[in-house]
């Protein structure tokens, strides 16, 4: 009943990160972004962000292809779980983002382009 009024209490985030956990998660996000950059040509822009939302910290890695829509992968840590992104998850995330970004370029280019050489 009082959801939109100033009388309702502010919800506490589900997960609070310590400064060390925040640094570790930022480092992991940077590692995924770097691995994604290795898989894509220089025209693709790759970035990562760690922000605080209403339900706690939110991590995001995004790729902006030269043409087409951006693609992103988001992560919200669960309470009482390991926050680190291991090597296998890092590789999977990077490959998935790179493949999705390449697909966006392919879809934006269409099939009606004529080849430049025969």
PDB file of N, CA and C in Angstrom:
ATOM      1  N   UNK A   1       0.811  -1.189   0.000  1.00  0.00           N
ATOM      2  CA  UNK A   1       0.000   0.000   0.000  1.00  0.00           C
ATOM      3  C   UNK A   1       0.858   1.258   0.000  1.00  0.00           C
ATOM      4  N   UNK A   2       1.972   1.246   0.701  1.00  0.00           N
ATOM      5  CA  UNK A   2       2.825   2.421   0.778  1.00  0.00           C
ATOM      6  C   UNK A   2       4.089   2.264  -0.066  1.00  0.00           C
ATOM      7  N   UNK A   3       4.028   1.462  -1.114  1.00  0.00           N
ATOM      8  CA  UNK A   3       5.202   1.185  -1.926  1.00  0.00           C
ATOM      9  C   UNK A   3       5.828   2.404  -2.558  1.00  0.00           C
ATOM     10  N   UNK A   4       5.044   3.386  -2.972  1.00  0.00           N
ATOM     11  CA  UNK A   4       5.573   4.567  -3.637  1.00  0.00           C
ATOM     12  C   UNK A   4       5.635   5.789  -2.734  1.00  0.00           C
ATOM     13  N   UNK A   5       5.365   5.605  -1.481  1.00  0.00           N
ATOM     14  CA  UNK A   5       5.355   6.754  -0.573  1.00  0.00           C
ATOM     15  C   UNK A   5       6.645   6.814   0.236  1.00  0.00           C
ATOM     16  N   UNK A   6       6.945   7.970   0.803  1.00  0.00           N
ATOM     17  CA  UNK A   6       8.149   8.078   1.632  1.00  0.00           C
ATOM     18  C   UNK A   6       8.028   7.304   2.932  1.00  0.00           C
ATOM     19  N   UNK A   7       6.843   6.745   3.228  1.00  0.00           N
ATOM     20  CA  UNK A   7       6.657   5.995   4.464  1.00  0.00           C
ATOM     21  C   UNK A   7       7.243   4.590   4.369  1.00  0.00           C
ATOM     22  N   UNK A   8       7.395   4.088   3.147  1.00  0.00           N
ATOM     23  CA  UNK A   8       7.920   2.730   3.017  1.00  0.00           C
ATOM     24  C   UNK A   8       9.408   2.736   3.333  1.00  0.00           C
ATOM     25  N   UNK A   9       9.878   1.671   3.934  1.00  0.00           N
ATOM     26  CA  UNK A   9      11.291   1.578   4.295  1.00  0.00           C
ATOM     27  C   UNK A   9      12.146   1.248   3.086  1.00  0.00           C
ATOM     28  N   UNK A  10      13.405   1.667   3.126  1.00  0.00           N
ATOM     29  CA  UNK A  10      14.337   1.335   2.065  1.00  0.00           C
ATOM     30  C   UNK A  10      14.755  -0.119   2.227  1.00  0.00           C
ATOM     31  N   UNK A  11      14.690  -0.860   1.163  1.00  0.00           N
ATOM     32  CA  UNK A  11      15.092  -2.269   1.210  1.00  0.00           C
ATOM     33  C   UNK A  11      16.613  -2.344   1.325  1.00  0.00           C
ATOM     34  N   UNK A  12      17.076  -3.228   2.187  1.00  0.00           N
ATOM     35  CA  UNK A  12      18.505  -3.451   2.334  1.00  0.00           C
ATOM     36  C   UNK A  12      18.983  -4.339   1.194  1.00  0.00           C
ATOM     37  N   UNK A  13      20.158  -4.059   0.634  1.00  0.00           N
ATOM     38  CA  UNK A  13      20.679  -4.931  -0.414  1.00  0.00           C
ATOM     39  C   UNK A  13      20.889  -6.344   0.113  1.00  0.00           C
ATOM     40  N   UNK A  14      20.678  -7.336  -0.765  1.00  0.00           N
ATOM     41  CA  UNK A  14      20.852  -8.733  -0.393  1.00  0.00           C
ATOM     42  C   UNK A  14      22.316  -9.059  -0.118  1.00  0.00           C
ATOM     43  N   UNK A  15      23.222  -8.425  -0.866  1.00  0.00           N
ATOM     44  CA  UNK A  15      24.645  -8.705  -0.753  1.00  0.00           C
ATOM     45  C   UNK A  15      25.393  -7.394  -0.575  1.00  0.00           C
ATOM     46  N   UNK A  16      26.254  -7.328   0.410  1.00  0.00           N
ATOM     47  CA  UNK A  16      27.149  -6.187   0.603  1.00  0.00           C
ATOM     48  C   UNK A  16      28.566  -6.680   0.359  1.00  0.00           C
ATOM     49  N   UNK A  17      29.315  -6.006  -0.494  1.00  0.00           N
ATOM     50  CA  UNK A  17      30.682  -6.398  -0.787  1.00  0.00           C
ATOM     51  C   UNK A  17      31.656  -5.655   0.116  1.00  0.00           C
ATOM     52  N   UNK A  18      32.656  -6.371   0.572  1.00  0.00           N
ATOM     53  CA  UNK A  18      33.749  -5.722   1.286  1.00  0.00           C
ATOM     54  C   UNK A  18      34.620  -5.033   0.241  1.00  0.00           C
ATOM     55  N   UNK A  19      35.456  -4.102   0.644  1.00  0.00           N
ATOM     56  CA  UNK A  19      36.354  -3.465  -0.342  1.00  0.00           C
ATOM     57  C   UNK A  19      37.225  -4.483  -1.084  1.00  0.00           C
ATOM     58  N   UNK A  20      37.685  -5.528  -0.392  1.00  0.00           N
ATOM     59  CA  UNK A  20      38.503  -6.559  -1.050  1.00  0.00           C
ATOM     60  C   UNK A  20      37.678  -7.347  -2.072  1.00  0.00           C
ATOM     61  N   UNK A  21      36.445  -7.696  -1.733  1.00  0.00           N
ATOM     62  CA  UNK A  21      35.579  -8.418  -2.671  1.00  0.00           C
ATOM     63  C   UNK A  21      35.270  -7.549  -3.890  1.00  0.00           C
ATOM     64  N   UNK A  22      35.062  -6.265  -3.667  1.00  0.00           N
ATOM     65  CA  UNK A  22      34.794  -5.337  -4.774  1.00  0.00           C
ATOM     66  C   UNK A  22      36.001  -5.263  -5.713  1.00  0.00           C
ATOM     67  N   UNK A  23      37.211  -5.161  -5.141  1.00  0.00           N
ATOM     68  CA  UNK A  23      38.433  -5.127  -5.960  1.00  0.00           C
ATOM     69  C   UNK A  23      38.591  -6.424  -6.752  1.00  0.00           C
ATOM     70  N   UNK A  24      38.343  -7.550  -6.099  1.00  0.00           N
ATOM     71  CA  UNK A  24      38.476  -8.848  -6.770  1.00  0.00           C
ATOM     72  C   UNK A  24      37.485  -8.982  -7.923  1.00  0.00           C
ATOM     73  N   UNK A  25      36.252  -8.580  -7.685  1.00  0.00           N
ATOM     74  CA  UNK A  25      35.237  -8.676  -8.733  1.00  0.00           C
ATOM     75  C   UNK A  25      35.554  -7.729  -9.890  1.00  0.00           C
ATOM     76  N   UNK A  26      36.032  -6.535  -9.579  1.00  0.00           N
ATOM     77  CA  UNK A  26      36.448  -5.601 -10.649  1.00  0.00           C
ATOM     78  C   UNK A  26      37.592  -6.182 -11.463  1.00  0.00           C
ATOM     79  N   UNK A  27      38.531  -6.815 -10.775  1.00  0.00           N
ATOM     80  CA  UNK A  27      39.658  -7.446 -11.461  1.00  0.00           C
ATOM     81  C   UNK A  27      39.178  -8.559 -12.382  1.00  0.00           C
ATOM     82  N   UNK A  28      38.248  -9.373 -11.898  1.00  0.00           N
ATOM     83  CA  UNK A  28      37.689 -10.447 -12.721  1.00  0.00           C
ATOM     84  C   UNK A  28      36.953  -9.892 -13.939  1.00  0.00           C
ATOM     85  N   UNK A  29      36.193  -8.827 -13.739  1.00  0.00           N
ATOM     86  CA  UNK A  29      35.484  -8.207 -14.867  1.00  0.00           C
ATOM     87  C   UNK A  29      36.473  -7.671 -15.902  1.00  0.00           C
ATOM     88  N   UNK A  30      37.540  -7.067 -15.428  1.00  0.00           N
ATOM     89  CA  UNK A  30      38.564  -6.559 -16.348  1.00  0.00           C
ATOM     90  C   UNK A  30      39.212  -7.694 -17.130  1.00  0.00           C
ATOM     91  N   UNK A  31      39.410  -8.831 -16.466  1.00  0.00           N
ATOM     92  CA  UNK A  31      40.004  -9.996 -17.125  1.00  0.00           C
ATOM     93  C   UNK A  31      39.081 -10.526 -18.221  1.00  0.00           C
ATOM     94  N   UNK A  32      37.771 -10.579 -17.943  1.00  0.00           N
ATOM     95  CA  UNK A  32      36.811 -11.025 -18.964  1.00  0.00           C
ATOM     96  C   UNK A  32      36.796 -10.040 -20.126  1.00  0.00           C
ATOM     97  N   UNK A  33      36.801  -8.750 -19.831  1.00  0.00           N
ATOM     98  CA  UNK A  33      36.798  -7.739 -20.892  1.00  0.00           C
ATOM     99  C   UNK A  33      38.061  -7.846 -21.747  1.00  0.00           C
ATOM    100  N   UNK A  34      39.212  -8.055 -21.120  1.00  0.00           N
ATOM    101  CA  UNK A  34      40.466  -8.182 -21.868  1.00  0.00           C
ATOM    102  C   UNK A  34      40.447  -9.415 -22.761  1.00  0.00           C
ATOM    103  N   UNK A  35      39.953 -10.529 -22.249  1.00  0.00           N
ATOM    104  CA  UNK A  35      39.875 -11.758 -23.041  1.00  0.00           C
ATOM    105  C   UNK A  35      38.903 -11.568 -24.213  1.00  0.00           C
ATOM    106  N   UNK A  36      37.812 -10.848 -23.989  1.00  0.00           N
ATOM    107  CA  UNK A  36      36.856 -10.573 -25.063  1.00  0.00           C
ATOM    108  C   UNK A  36      37.513  -9.707 -26.136  1.00  0.00           C
ATOM    109  N   UNK A  37      38.289  -8.703 -25.713  1.00  0.00           N
ATOM    110  CA  UNK A  37      38.993  -7.837 -26.676  1.00  0.00           C
ATOM    111  C   UNK A  37      39.961  -8.641 -27.532  1.00  0.00           C
ATOM    112  N   UNK A  38      40.606  -9.664 -26.946  1.00  0.00           N
ATOM    113  CA  UNK A  38      41.542 -10.508 -27.701  1.00  0.00           C
ATOM    114  C   UNK A  38      40.836 -11.262 -28.821  1.00  0.00           C
ATOM    115  N   UNK A  39      39.571 -11.573 -28.634  1.00  0.00           N
ATOM    116  CA  UNK A  39      38.830 -12.375 -29.602  1.00  0.00           C
ATOM    117  C   UNK A  39      38.212 -11.547 -30.724  1.00  0.00           C
ATOM    118  N   UNK A  40      38.168 -10.219 -30.559  1.00  0.00           N
ATOM    119  CA  UNK A  40      37.478  -9.359 -31.521  1.00  0.00           C
ATOM    120  C   UNK A  40      38.436  -8.377 -32.174  1.00  0.00           C
ATOM    121  N   UNK A  41      38.117  -7.930 -33.394  1.00  0.00           N
ATOM    122  CA  UNK A  41      38.917  -6.878 -34.027  1.00  0.00           C
ATOM    123  C   UNK A  41      38.809  -5.565 -33.237  1.00  0.00           C
ATOM    124  N   UNK A  42      39.691  -4.643 -33.517  1.00  0.00           N
ATOM    125  CA  UNK A  42      39.768  -3.382 -32.787  1.00  0.00           C
ATOM    126  C   UNK A  42      38.559  -2.475 -32.928  1.00  0.00           C
ATOM    127  N   UNK A  43      37.708  -2.703 -33.922  1.00  0.00           N
ATOM    128  CA  UNK A  43      36.531  -1.853 -34.124  1.00  0.00           C
ATOM    129  C   UNK A  43      35.460  -2.077 -33.066  1.00  0.00           C
ATOM    130  N   UNK A  44      35.538  -3.175 -32.341  1.00  0.00           N
ATOM    131  CA  UNK A  44      34.569  -3.486 -31.292  1.00  0.00           C
ATOM    132  C   UNK A  44      35.017  -2.822 -29.999  1.00  0.00           C
ATOM    133  N   UNK A  45      34.095  -2.192 -29.299  1.00  0.00           N
ATOM    134  CA  UNK A  45      34.401  -1.551 -28.024  1.00  0.00           C
ATOM    135  C   UNK A  45      33.884  -2.446 -26.903  1.00  0.00           C
ATOM    136  N   UNK A  46      34.759  -2.775 -25.959  1.00  0.00           N
ATOM    137  CA  UNK A  46      34.414  -3.665 -24.850  1.00  0.00           C
ATOM    138  C   UNK A  46      34.614  -2.909 -23.548  1.00  0.00           C
ATOM    139  N   UNK A  47      33.645  -2.997 -22.653  1.00  0.00           N
ATOM    140  CA  UNK A  47      33.760  -2.331 -21.364  1.00  0.00           C
ATOM    141  C   UNK A  47      33.116  -3.148 -20.261  1.00  0.00           C
ATOM    142  N   UNK A  48      33.472  -2.816 -19.027  1.00  0.00           N
ATOM    143  CA  UNK A  48      32.881  -3.497 -17.873  1.00  0.00           C
ATOM    144  C   UNK A  48      32.559  -2.466 -16.812  1.00  0.00           C
ATOM    145  N   UNK A  49      31.598  -2.820 -15.947  1.00  0.00           N
ATOM    146  CA  UNK A  49      31.150  -1.891 -14.912  1.00  0.00           C
ATOM    147  C   UNK A  49      30.663  -2.686 -13.707  1.00  0.00           C
ATOM    148  N   UNK A  50      30.969  -2.168 -12.546  1.00  0.00           N
ATOM    149  CA  UNK A  50      30.450  -2.727 -11.302  1.00  0.00           C
ATOM    150  C   UNK A  50      29.711  -1.598 -10.600  1.00  0.00           C
ATOM    151  N   UNK A  51      28.416  -1.790 -10.398  1.00  0.00           N
ATOM    152  CA  UNK A  51      27.605  -0.743  -9.785  1.00  0.00           C
ATOM    153  C   UNK A  51      26.795  -1.319  -8.634  1.00  0.00           C
ATOM    154  N   UNK A  52      26.188  -0.433  -7.870  1.00  0.00           N
ATOM    155  CA  UNK A  52      25.335  -0.854  -6.762  1.00  0.00           C
ATOM    156  C   UNK A  52      23.891  -0.580  -7.133  1.00  0.00           C
ATOM    157  N   UNK A  53      23.075  -1.621  -7.086  1.00  0.00           N
ATOM    158  CA  UNK A  53      21.658  -1.483  -7.377  1.00  0.00           C
ATOM    159  C   UNK A  53      20.847  -1.647  -6.111  1.00  0.00           C
ATOM    160  N   UNK A  54      19.549  -1.632  -6.242  1.00  0.00           N
ATOM    161  CA  UNK A  54      18.663  -1.765  -5.093  1.00  0.00           C
ATOM    162  C   UNK A  54      18.802  -3.128  -4.423  1.00  0.00           C
ATOM    163  N   UNK A  55      19.128  -4.155  -5.210  1.00  0.00           N
ATOM    164  CA  UNK A  55      19.252  -5.497  -4.643  1.00  0.00           C
ATOM    165  C   UNK A  55      20.693  -5.882  -4.360  1.00  0.00           C
ATOM    166  N   UNK A  56      21.626  -4.937  -4.488  1.00  0.00           N
ATOM    167  CA  UNK A  56      23.032  -5.215  -4.214  1.00  0.00           C
ATOM    168  C   UNK A  56      23.906  -4.898  -5.410  1.00  0.00           C
ATOM    169  N   UNK A  57      25.136  -5.394  -5.401  1.00  0.00           N
ATOM    170  CA  UNK A  57      26.056  -5.095  -6.501  1.00  0.00           C
ATOM    171  C   UNK A  57      25.615  -5.767  -7.797  1.00  0.00           C
ATOM    172  N   UNK A  58      25.891  -5.079  -8.902  1.00  0.00           N
ATOM    173  CA  UNK A  58      25.563  -5.604 -10.221  1.00  0.00           C
ATOM    174  C   UNK A  58      26.768  -5.402 -11.117  1.00  0.00           C
ATOM    175  N   UNK A  59      27.198  -6.478 -11.750  1.00  0.00           N
ATOM    176  CA  UNK A  59      28.341  -6.433 -12.656  1.00  0.00           C
ATOM    177  C   UNK A  59      27.847  -6.577 -14.083  1.00  0.00           C
ATOM    178  N   UNK A  60      28.491  -5.860 -15.016  1.00  0.00           N
ATOM    179  CA  UNK A  60      28.093  -5.943 -16.413  1.00  0.00           C
ATOM    180  C   UNK A  60      29.319  -5.818 -17.306  1.00  0.00           C
ATOM    181  N   UNK A  61      29.328  -6.634 -18.349  1.00  0.00           N
ATOM    182  CA  UNK A  61      30.327  -6.546 -19.405  1.00  0.00           C
ATOM    183  C   UNK A  61      29.552  -6.346 -20.690  1.00  0.00           C
ATOM    184  N   UNK A  62      29.957  -5.363 -21.488  1.00  0.00           N
ATOM    185  CA  UNK A  62      29.219  -5.045 -22.709  1.00  0.00           C
ATOM    186  C   UNK A  62      30.174  -4.893 -23.888  1.00  0.00           C
ATOM    187  N   UNK A  63      29.647  -5.204 -25.081  1.00  0.00           N
ATOM    188  CA  UNK A  63      30.393  -5.064 -26.328  1.00  0.00           C
ATOM    189  C   UNK A  63      29.542  -4.252 -27.288  1.00  0.00           C
ATOM    190  N   UNK A  64      30.137  -3.195 -27.848  1.00  0.00           N
ATOM    191  CA  UNK A  64      29.484  -2.398 -28.883  1.00  0.00           C
ATOM    192  C   UNK A  64      30.158  -2.721 -30.205  1.00  0.00           C
ATOM    193  N   UNK A  65      29.454  -3.456 -31.096  1.00  0.00           N
ATOM    194  CA  UNK A  65      30.042  -3.749 -32.411  1.00  0.00           C
ATOM    195  C   UNK A  65      30.078  -2.483 -33.276  1.00  0.00           C
ATOM    196  N   UNK A  66      30.871  -2.494 -34.348  1.00  0.00           N
ATOM    197  CA  UNK A  66      30.920  -1.318 -35.221  1.00  0.00           C
ATOM    198  C   UNK A  66      29.566  -1.002 -35.863  1.00  0.00           C
ATOM    199  N   UNK A  67      28.773  -2.036 -36.144  1.00  0.00           N
ATOM    200  CA  UNK A  67      27.392  -1.866 -36.604  1.00  0.00           C
ATOM    201  C   UNK A  67      26.535  -2.870 -35.847  1.00  0.00           C
ATOM    202  N   UNK A  68      25.291  -2.546 -35.645  1.00  0.00           N
ATOM    203  CA  UNK A  68      24.400  -3.448 -34.927  1.00  0.00           C
ATOM    204  C   UNK A  68      24.219  -3.024 -33.474  1.00  0.00           C
ATOM    205  N   UNK A  69      23.453  -3.805 -32.771  1.00  0.00           N
ATOM    206  CA  UNK A  69      23.116  -3.501 -31.377  1.00  0.00           C
ATOM    207  C   UNK A  69      24.194  -3.996 -30.431  1.00  0.00           C
ATOM    208  N   UNK A  70      24.366  -3.306 -29.307  1.00  0.00           N
ATOM    209  CA  UNK A  70      25.326  -3.782 -28.306  1.00  0.00           C
ATOM    210  C   UNK A  70      24.823  -5.065 -27.644  1.00  0.00           C
ATOM    211  N   UNK A  71      25.752  -5.855 -27.143  1.00  0.00           N
ATOM    212  CA  UNK A  71      25.425  -7.068 -26.393  1.00  0.00           C
ATOM    213  C   UNK A  71      26.076  -6.956 -25.020  1.00  0.00           C
ATOM    214  N   UNK A  72      25.448  -7.571 -24.035  1.00  0.00           N
ATOM    215  CA  UNK A  72      26.001  -7.482 -22.687  1.00  0.00           C
ATOM    216  C   UNK A  72      25.685  -8.744 -21.897  1.00  0.00           C
ATOM    217  N   UNK A  73      26.454  -8.928 -20.836  1.00  0.00           N
ATOM    218  CA  UNK A  73      26.220 -10.017 -19.893  1.00  0.00           C
ATOM    219  C   UNK A  73      26.222  -9.400 -18.507  1.00  0.00           C
ATOM    220  N   UNK A  74      25.179  -9.659 -17.751  1.00  0.00           N
ATOM    221  CA  UNK A  74      25.065  -9.115 -16.409  1.00  0.00           C
ATOM    222  C   UNK A  74      25.205 -10.199 -15.361  1.00  0.00           C
ATOM    223  N   UNK A  75      25.601  -9.785 -14.171  1.00  0.00           N
ATOM    224  CA  UNK A  75      25.818 -10.718 -13.070  1.00  0.00           C
ATOM    225  C   UNK A  75      25.468 -10.015 -11.773  1.00  0.00           C
ATOM    226  N   UNK A  76      24.597 -10.625 -10.999  1.00  0.00           N
ATOM    227  CA  UNK A  76      24.259 -10.131  -9.664  1.00  0.00           C
ATOM    228  C   UNK A  76      24.621 -11.221  -8.672  1.00  0.00           C
ATOM    229  N   UNK A  77      25.604 -10.973  -7.807  1.00  0.00           N
ATOM    230  CA  UNK A  77      26.023 -12.016  -6.860  1.00  0.00           C
ATOM    231  C   UNK A  77      24.898 -12.425  -5.924  1.00  0.00           C
ATOM    232  N   UNK A  78      24.841 -13.714  -5.659  1.00  0.00           N
ATOM    233  CA  UNK A  78      23.879 -14.268  -4.704  1.00  0.00           C
ATOM    234  C   UNK A  78      24.505 -14.217  -3.307  1.00  0.00           C
ATOM    235  N   UNK A  79      23.677 -14.124  -2.277  1.00  0.00           N
ATOM    236  CA  UNK A  79      24.222 -14.153  -0.919  1.00  0.00           C
ATOM    237  C   UNK A  79      24.946 -15.472  -0.645  1.00  0.00           C
ATOM    238  N   UNK A  80      26.039 -15.394   0.090  1.00  0.00           N
ATOM    239  CA  UNK A  80      26.803 -16.565   0.536  1.00  0.00           C
ATOM    240  C   UNK A  80      27.317 -17.435  -0.614  1.00  0.00           C
ATOM    241  N   UNK A  81      27.745 -16.814  -1.712  1.00  0.00           N
ATOM    242  CA  UNK A  81      28.350 -17.567  -2.805  1.00  0.00           C
ATOM    243  C   UNK A  81      29.719 -16.980  -3.108  1.00  0.00           C
ATOM    244  N   UNK A  82      30.514 -17.746  -3.837  1.00  0.00           N
ATOM    245  CA  UNK A  82      31.822 -17.276  -4.250  1.00  0.00           C
ATOM    246  C   UNK A  82      31.636 -16.227  -5.340  1.00  0.00           C
ATOM    247  N   UNK A  83      32.210 -15.052  -5.135  1.00  0.00           N
ATOM    248  CA  UNK A  83      32.020 -13.955  -6.070  1.00  0.00           C
ATOM    249  C   UNK A  83      33.012 -13.979  -7.225  1.00  0.00           C
ATOM    250  N   UNK A  84      34.041 -14.799  -7.129  1.00  0.00           N
ATOM    251  CA  UNK A  84      35.084 -14.809  -8.146  1.00  0.00           C
ATOM    252  C   UNK A  84      34.586 -15.439  -9.445  1.00  0.00           C
ATOM    253  N   UNK A  85      35.141 -14.980 -10.556  1.00  0.00           N
ATOM    254  CA  UNK A  85      34.874 -15.555 -11.872  1.00  0.00           C
ATOM    255  C   UNK A  85      36.092 -16.389 -12.217  1.00  0.00           C
ATOM    256  N   UNK A  86      35.933 -17.723 -12.236  1.00  0.00           N
ATOM    257  CA  UNK A  86      37.090 -18.583 -12.473  1.00  0.00           C
ATOM    258  C   UNK A  86      37.484 -18.565 -13.954  1.00  0.00           C
ATOM    259  N   UNK A  87      38.597 -19.228 -14.277  1.00  0.00           N
ATOM    260  CA  UNK A  87      39.132 -19.192 -15.642  1.00  0.00           C
ATOM    261  C   UNK A  87      38.154 -19.751 -16.669  1.00  0.00           C
ATOM    262  N   UNK A  88      37.468 -20.832 -16.331  1.00  0.00           N
ATOM    263  CA  UNK A  88      36.513 -21.422 -17.272  1.00  0.00           C
ATOM    264  C   UNK A  88      35.336 -20.485 -17.526  1.00  0.00           C
ATOM    265  N   UNK A  89      34.795 -19.884 -16.471  1.00  0.00           N
ATOM    266  CA  UNK A  89      33.697 -18.914 -16.635  1.00  0.00           C
ATOM    267  C   UNK A  89      34.161 -17.701 -17.429  1.00  0.00           C
ATOM    268  N   UNK A  90      35.392 -17.265 -17.182  1.00  0.00           N
ATOM    269  CA  UNK A  90      35.950 -16.121 -17.909  1.00  0.00           C
ATOM    270  C   UNK A  90      36.001 -16.420 -19.404  1.00  0.00           C
ATOM    271  N   UNK A  91      36.511 -17.595 -19.753  1.00  0.00           N
ATOM    272  CA  UNK A  91      36.592 -17.992 -21.158  1.00  0.00           C
ATOM    273  C   UNK A  91      35.204 -18.116 -21.777  1.00  0.00           C
ATOM    274  N   UNK A  92      34.289 -18.749 -21.054  1.00  0.00           N
ATOM    275  CA  UNK A  92      32.920 -18.911 -21.568  1.00  0.00           C
ATOM    276  C   UNK A  92      32.242 -17.565 -21.794  1.00  0.00           C
ATOM    277  N   UNK A  93      32.374 -16.656 -20.836  1.00  0.00           N
ATOM    278  CA  UNK A  93      31.772 -15.327 -20.983  1.00  0.00           C
ATOM    279  C   UNK A  93      32.376 -14.584 -22.171  1.00  0.00           C
ATOM    280  N   UNK A  94      33.697 -14.593 -22.275  1.00  0.00           N
ATOM    281  CA  UNK A  94      34.365 -13.877 -23.364  1.00  0.00           C
ATOM    282  C   UNK A  94      33.962 -14.437 -24.723  1.00  0.00           C
ATOM    283  N   UNK A  95      33.951 -15.757 -24.855  1.00  0.00           N
ATOM    284  CA  UNK A  95      33.580 -16.362 -26.130  1.00  0.00           C
ATOM    285  C   UNK A  95      32.117 -16.104 -26.469  1.00  0.00           C
ATOM    286  N   UNK A  96      31.249 -16.169 -25.479  1.00  0.00           N
ATOM    287  CA  UNK A  96      29.834 -15.901 -25.716  1.00  0.00           C
ATOM    288  C   UNK A  96      29.578 -14.465 -26.145  1.00  0.00           C
ATOM    289  N   UNK A  97      30.226 -13.527 -25.468  1.00  0.00           N
ATOM    290  CA  UNK A  97      30.063 -12.117 -25.835  1.00  0.00           C
ATOM    291  C   UNK A  97      30.623 -11.840 -27.230  1.00  0.00           C
ATOM    292  N   UNK A  98      31.798 -12.403 -27.526  1.00  0.00           N
ATOM    293  CA  UNK A  98      32.405 -12.191 -28.842  1.00  0.00           C
ATOM    294  C   UNK A  98      31.526 -12.777 -29.940  1.00  0.00           C
ATOM    295  N   UNK A  99      31.007 -13.968 -29.726  1.00  0.00           N
ATOM    296  CA  UNK A  99      30.141 -14.593 -30.734  1.00  0.00           C
ATOM    297  C   UNK A  99      28.855 -13.795 -30.927  1.00  0.00           C
ATOM    298  N   UNK A 100      28.267 -13.331 -29.842  1.00  0.00           N
ATOM    299  CA  UNK A 100      27.033 -12.537 -29.944  1.00  0.00           C
ATOM    300  C   UNK A 100      27.282 -11.216 -30.666  1.00  0.00           C
ATOM    301  N   UNK A 101      28.412 -10.579 -30.381  1.00  0.00           N
ATOM    302  CA  UNK A 101      28.736  -9.310 -31.043  1.00  0.00           C
ATOM    303  C   UNK A 101      28.973  -9.536 -32.534  1.00  0.00           C
ATOM    304  N   UNK A 102      29.668 -10.620 -32.885  1.00  0.00           N
ATOM    305  CA  UNK A 102      29.898 -10.925 -34.302  1.00  0.00           C
ATOM    306  C   UNK A 102      28.581 -11.204 -35.014  1.00  0.00           C
ATOM    307  N   UNK A 103      27.671 -11.887 -34.337  1.00  0.00           N
ATOM    308  CA  UNK A 103      26.358 -12.156 -34.916  1.00  0.00           C
ATOM    309  C   UNK A 103      25.579 -10.861 -35.140  1.00  0.00           C
ATOM    310  N   UNK A 104      25.702  -9.913 -34.235  1.00  0.00           N
ATOM    311  CA  UNK A 104      25.027  -8.620 -34.409  1.00  0.00           C
ATOM    312  C   UNK A 104      25.522  -7.923 -35.670  1.00  0.00           C
ATOM    313  N   UNK A 105      26.817  -7.987 -35.920  1.00  0.00           N
ATOM    314  CA  UNK A 105      27.378  -7.379 -37.129  1.00  0.00           C
ATOM    315  C   UNK A 105      26.836  -8.089 -38.358  1.00  0.00           C
ATOM    316  N   UNK A 106      26.830  -9.406 -38.325  1.00  0.00           N
ATOM    317  CA  UNK A 106      26.328 -10.186 -39.473  1.00  0.00           C
ATOM    318  C   UNK A 106      24.874  -9.855 -39.760  1.00  0.00           C
ATOM    319  N   UNK A 107      24.062  -9.772 -38.709  1.00  0.00           N
ATOM    320  CA  UNK A 107      22.649  -9.459 -38.905  1.00  0.00           C
ATOM    321  C   UNK A 107      22.450  -8.028 -39.385  1.00  0.00           C
ATOM    322  N   UNK A 108      23.277  -7.103 -38.929  1.00  0.00           N
ATOM    323  CA  UNK A 108      23.146  -5.708 -39.356  1.00  0.00           C
ATOM    324  C   UNK A 108      23.571  -5.527 -40.808  1.00  0.00           C
ATOM    325  N   UNK A 109      24.526  -6.326 -41.253  1.00  0.00           N
ATOM    326  CA  UNK A 109      25.013  -6.208 -42.627  1.00  0.00           C
ATOM    327  C   UNK A 109      24.016  -6.790 -43.619  1.00  0.00           C
ATOM    328  N   UNK A 110      23.286  -7.823 -43.239  1.00  0.00           N
ATOM    329  CA  UNK A 110      22.307  -8.428 -44.138  1.00  0.00           C
ATOM    330  C   UNK A 110      22.955  -9.320 -45.178  1.00  0.00           C
ATOM    331  N   UNK A 111      22.121  -9.945 -45.986  1.00  0.00           N
ATOM    332  CA  UNK A 111      22.603 -10.872 -47.033  1.00  0.00           C
ATOM    333  C   UNK A 111      22.625 -10.246 -48.410  1.00  0.00           C
ATOM    334  N   UNK A 112      22.143  -9.021 -48.562  1.00  0.00           N
ATOM    335  CA  UNK A 112      22.003  -8.429 -49.884  1.00  0.00           C
ATOM    336  C   UNK A 112      23.232  -7.645 -50.334  1.00  0.00           C
ATOM    337  N   UNK A 113      24.325  -7.724 -49.609  1.00  0.00           N
ATOM    338  CA  UNK A 113      25.546  -7.012 -50.031  1.00  0.00           C
ATOM    339  C   UNK A 113      26.198  -7.771 -51.176  1.00  0.00           C
ATOM    340  N   UNK A 114      26.680  -7.024 -52.144  1.00  0.00           N
ATOM    341  CA  UNK A 114      27.388  -7.630 -53.264  1.00  0.00           C
ATOM    342  C   UNK A 114      28.865  -7.743 -52.896  1.00  0.00           C
ATOM    343  N   UNK A 115      29.528  -8.812 -53.328  1.00  0.00           N
ATOM    344  CA  UNK A 115      30.940  -8.945 -53.025  1.00  0.00           C
ATOM    345  C   UNK A 115      31.755  -7.864 -53.728  1.00  0.00           C
ATOM    346  N   UNK A 116      32.836  -7.431 -53.104  1.00  0.00           N
ATOM    347  CA  UNK A 116      33.647  -6.368 -53.689  1.00  0.00           C
ATOM    348  C   UNK A 116      34.599  -6.914 -54.757  1.00  0.00           C
ATOM    349  N   UNK A 117      34.886  -8.194 -54.725  1.00  0.00           N
ATOM    350  CA  UNK A 117      35.767  -8.795 -55.736  1.00  0.00           C
ATOM    351  C   UNK A 117      35.194 -10.121 -56.184  1.00  0.00           C
ATOM    352  N   UNK A 118      35.549 -10.538 -57.371  1.00  0.00           N
ATOM    353  CA  UNK A 118      35.075 -11.824 -57.901  1.00  0.00           C
ATOM    354  C   UNK A 118      36.170 -12.849 -57.871  1.00  0.00           C
TER     355      UNK A 118
END
